[in-house]
Amino acid sequence: MKSFQYVITDEMGLHARPAGLLVKEAKNYDSEITITKGDKTVSCTRLMAIMGMCVKKGDTVTITINGGDEEAVYTAMKNFFSENL
């Protein structure tokens, strides 16, 4: 299992467009990818659950990857977050 923390820098937070992109990206991998804010953890393949977390600019989220391709997914997710959020 690998994980990293990321502070959201997008002015609008994790709103519909980047959340949709995150779901699309997460569905490309076999590993289970979750996002955690505070005490709430949801799968990165569930759009409405991600949006329900109300992640805003400045919030710290933790991304956890668990599975056979976690090394590749770890790198891809870090790049995704830095480029999109």
Protein backbone atom coordinates (compact mmCIF):
# COMPACT_ATOMS: atom_id res chain seq x y z
CA MET A 1 0.00 0.00 0.00
CA LYS A 2 1.25 3.47 -0.92
CA SER A 3 -0.18 6.86 -0.03
CA PHE A 4 0.56 10.54 -0.28
CA GLN A 5 -0.96 13.77 0.93
CA TYR A 6 -1.86 16.69 -1.30
CA VAL A 7 -3.04 20.21 -0.50
CA ILE A 8 -5.71 21.31 -2.98
CA THR A 9 -4.61 24.48 -4.81
CA ASP A 10 -7.47 24.82 -7.33
CA GLU A 11 -9.51 27.95 -6.53
CA MET A 12 -12.76 25.99 -6.84
CA GLY A 13 -11.55 22.96 -4.88
CA LEU A 14 -12.41 19.44 -6.00
CA HIS A 15 -15.51 20.42 -8.01
CA ALA A 16 -17.33 18.54 -10.80
CA ARG A 17 -14.80 18.87 -13.63
CA PRO A 18 -11.67 17.73 -11.77
CA ALA A 19 -13.67 15.14 -9.83
CA GLY A 20 -14.88 13.68 -13.13
CA LEU A 21 -11.33 13.63 -14.46
CA LEU A 22 -10.16 11.90 -11.26
CA VAL A 23 -12.81 9.19 -11.62
CA LYS A 24 -11.89 8.66 -15.27
CA GLU A 25 -8.18 8.42 -14.37
CA ALA A 26 -8.79 6.06 -11.42
CA LYS A 27 -10.80 3.67 -13.58
CA ASN A 28 -7.71 3.11 -15.77
CA TYR A 29 -5.99 1.07 -13.05
CA ASP A 30 -6.49 -2.26 -11.32
CA SER A 31 -5.42 -0.96 -7.90
CA GLU A 32 -7.98 0.34 -5.43
CA ILE A 33 -7.55 4.11 -5.07
CA THR A 34 -9.20 6.01 -2.23
CA ILE A 35 -9.29 9.66 -1.20
CA THR A 36 -9.53 10.72 2.44
CA LYS A 37 -10.41 14.09 3.95
CA GLY A 38 -10.64 14.17 7.71
CA ASP A 39 -12.45 11.01 8.80
CA LYS A 40 -14.21 10.43 5.45
CA THR A 41 -12.74 7.99 2.90
CA VAL A 42 -14.27 7.20 -0.50
CA SER A 43 -13.28 5.32 -3.63
CA CYS A 44 -11.84 7.48 -6.41
CA THR A 45 -14.19 5.75 -8.85
CA ARG A 46 -17.34 7.19 -7.22
CA LEU A 47 -18.01 10.69 -8.56
CA MET A 48 -20.90 11.67 -6.28
CA ALA A 49 -19.07 10.40 -3.18
CA ILE A 50 -16.02 12.50 -4.08
CA MET A 51 -18.12 15.60 -4.64
CA GLY A 52 -19.94 14.92 -1.38
CA MET A 53 -16.67 15.34 0.50
CA CYS A 54 -16.80 19.10 -0.23
CA VAL A 55 -13.04 19.41 -0.71
CA LYS A 56 -12.08 23.09 -0.92
CA LYS A 57 -8.92 25.02 -1.74
CA GLY A 58 -6.40 24.58 1.07
CA ASP A 59 -7.81 21.23 2.25
CA THR A 60 -5.36 18.37 2.64
CA VAL A 61 -6.41 15.03 1.18
CA THR A 62 -4.72 11.66 1.42
CA ILE A 63 -4.64 9.39 -1.61
CA THR A 64 -4.14 5.68 -0.86
CA ILE A 65 -3.31 3.09 -3.51
CA ASN A 66 -3.52 -0.63 -2.87
CA GLY A 67 -2.98 -3.29 -5.53
CA GLY A 68 -0.66 -4.95 -7.99
CA ASP A 69 0.15 -1.86 -10.05
CA GLU A 70 0.43 0.55 -7.10
CA GLU A 71 3.92 1.83 -8.04
CA ALA A 72 2.73 3.02 -11.46
CA VAL A 73 -0.54 4.31 -10.03
CA TYR A 74 1.28 6.21 -7.26
CA THR A 75 3.33 8.13 -9.83
CA ALA A 76 0.35 8.69 -12.12
CA MET A 77 -1.88 9.97 -9.29
CA LYS A 78 0.80 12.34 -7.97
CA ASN A 79 1.16 13.76 -11.47
CA PHE A 80 -2.61 13.97 -11.92
CA PHE A 81 -3.10 15.91 -8.69
CA SER A 82 -0.26 18.36 -9.36
CA GLU A 83 -1.51 19.02 -12.91
CA ASN A 84 -5.25 19.22 -12.18
CA LEU A 85 -5.80 20.24 -8.56
